């Protein structure tokens, strides 16, 4: 059994050396992955004005329901309502923070600093 593992490991290392480097670099550059477009569409749908309005209604409705009828609910229904409330808070807070100027994108500006200088 041990000999089989050593042979398999040797074949893997030899196989890595036999693969052209162009194949390794093919995925590094840009075309994007196939699921990026649907995820971008979903992110835009979740952060739109309709989702924001529904999340505010969800916070008010579910929050009021939990406040006034929370003691009469079963554990499962109360757990589901808490999940809905948390999702509504996440959507509302994302849109509210964006309205105040806090964005999730990184800004890169200015000239990059050079870590070392070559001797001239």
Protein backbone atom coordinates (compact mmCIF):
# COMPACT_ATOMS: atom_id res chain seq x y z
CA UNK A 1 0.00 0.00 0.00
CA UNK A 2 2.81 2.38 0.88
CA UNK A 3 4.58 1.68 -2.39
CA UNK A 4 1.45 2.60 -4.33
CA UNK A 5 1.27 5.96 -2.53
CA UNK A 6 4.91 6.73 -3.32
CA UNK A 7 4.43 5.84 -6.98
CA UNK A 8 1.28 7.97 -7.17
CA UNK A 9 3.06 10.91 -5.57
CA UNK A 10 6.00 10.57 -7.98
CA UNK A 11 3.61 10.51 -10.96
CA UNK A 12 1.90 13.65 -9.70
CA UNK A 13 5.20 15.50 -9.38
CA UNK A 14 6.36 14.30 -12.78
CA UNK A 15 3.02 15.27 -14.30
CA UNK A 16 3.33 18.81 -12.95
CA UNK A 17 6.70 19.10 -14.66
CA UNK A 18 5.36 17.82 -17.97
CA UNK A 19 2.49 20.29 -18.25
CA UNK A 20 3.42 23.37 -20.30
CA UNK A 21 3.47 26.60 -18.32
CA UNK A 22 1.06 28.23 -20.77
CA UNK A 23 -1.68 25.97 -19.49
CA UNK A 24 -1.06 27.03 -15.90
CA UNK A 25 -1.21 30.70 -16.84
CA UNK A 26 -4.36 30.37 -18.95
CA UNK A 27 -6.72 30.85 -16.00
CA UNK A 28 -4.86 33.79 -14.48
CA UNK A 29 -5.83 36.43 -16.91
CA UNK A 30 -9.15 37.62 -17.36
CA UNK A 31 -12.15 36.28 -19.00
CA UNK A 32 -13.96 35.71 -15.78
CA UNK A 33 -15.60 32.64 -14.38
CA UNK A 34 -18.93 31.38 -15.68
CA UNK A 35 -20.84 32.13 -12.47
CA UNK A 36 -19.72 35.78 -12.11
CA UNK A 37 -22.46 37.21 -14.35
CA UNK A 38 -25.36 35.51 -12.49
CA UNK A 39 -23.87 36.50 -9.11
CA UNK A 40 -23.50 40.11 -10.27
CA UNK A 41 -27.13 40.10 -11.41
CA UNK A 42 -28.21 38.67 -8.04
CA UNK A 43 -26.16 41.26 -6.13
CA UNK A 44 -27.69 44.08 -8.16
CA UNK A 45 -31.20 42.70 -7.56
CA UNK A 46 -30.65 42.38 -3.81
CA UNK A 47 -29.30 45.90 -3.50
CA UNK A 48 -31.93 47.66 -5.61
CA UNK A 49 -34.68 50.03 -4.46
CA UNK A 50 -37.38 47.32 -4.42
CA UNK A 51 -35.27 45.12 -2.15
CA UNK A 52 -34.59 48.10 0.11
CA UNK A 53 -38.31 48.90 0.40
CA UNK A 54 -39.17 45.27 1.10
CA UNK A 55 -36.44 45.04 3.72
CA UNK A 56 -37.80 48.11 5.55
CA UNK A 57 -41.29 46.60 5.46
CA UNK A 58 -39.83 43.31 6.68
CA UNK A 59 -38.05 44.97 9.58
CA UNK A 60 -41.20 46.80 10.66
CA UNK A 61 -43.55 43.86 10.09
CA UNK A 62 -41.49 41.02 11.47
CA UNK A 63 -40.09 43.16 14.28
CA UNK A 64 -43.57 44.21 15.37
CA UNK A 65 -44.83 40.65 15.11
CA UNK A 66 -41.97 39.37 17.27
CA UNK A 67 -42.48 42.15 19.81
CA UNK A 68 -46.23 41.74 20.23
CA UNK A 69 -46.74 38.01 19.54
CA UNK A 70 -43.28 36.55 20.18
CA UNK A 71 -44.29 34.73 23.35
CA UNK A 72 -47.09 32.84 21.62
CA UNK A 73 -44.99 31.51 18.73
CA UNK A 74 -43.34 28.13 18.47
CA UNK A 75 -39.58 27.84 18.37
CA UNK A 76 -39.42 26.98 14.67
CA UNK A 77 -41.60 29.90 13.55
CA UNK A 78 -39.71 32.30 15.81
CA UNK A 79 -36.40 31.08 14.34
CA UNK A 80 -37.67 31.59 10.79
CA UNK A 81 -38.85 35.09 11.66
CA UNK A 82 -35.44 35.92 13.14
CA UNK A 83 -33.74 34.74 9.93
CA UNK A 84 -36.07 36.97 7.87
CA UNK A 85 -35.34 39.86 10.22
CA UNK A 86 -31.56 39.42 9.91
CA UNK A 87 -31.74 39.25 6.10
CA UNK A 88 -33.85 42.41 6.07
CA UNK A 89 -31.29 44.16 8.32
CA UNK A 90 -28.41 43.14 6.05
CA UNK A 91 -30.12 44.44 2.91
CA UNK A 92 -31.26 47.66 4.56
CA UNK A 93 -27.89 48.36 6.15
CA UNK A 94 -26.03 47.77 2.89
CA UNK A 95 -28.21 50.30 1.08
CA UNK A 96 -28.16 52.76 3.97
CA UNK A 97 -24.36 52.67 4.22
CA UNK A 98 -24.07 53.12 0.46
CA UNK A 99 -26.33 56.19 0.69
CA UNK A 100 -24.00 57.69 3.31
CA UNK A 101 -20.97 57.14 1.09
CA UNK A 102 -19.56 53.93 2.51
CA UNK A 103 -18.87 51.56 -0.35
CA UNK A 104 -17.39 48.09 -0.52
CA UNK A 105 -14.97 48.94 -3.32
CA UNK A 106 -11.31 49.60 -2.73
CA UNK A 107 -9.79 52.78 -4.04
CA UNK A 108 -6.26 52.77 -5.34
CA UNK A 109 -4.76 56.15 -6.01
CA UNK A 110 -1.45 57.87 -6.27
CA UNK A 111 1.87 56.47 -7.30
CA UNK A 112 2.89 53.12 -5.84
CA UNK A 113 5.77 53.20 -3.45
CA UNK A 114 8.92 51.44 -4.51
CA UNK A 115 10.11 49.02 -1.88
CA UNK A 116 13.74 49.06 -2.96
CA UNK A 117 15.93 51.01 -5.33
CA UNK A 118 18.42 49.54 -7.74
CA UNK A 119 21.95 50.81 -7.52
CA UNK A 120 22.78 53.08 -10.41
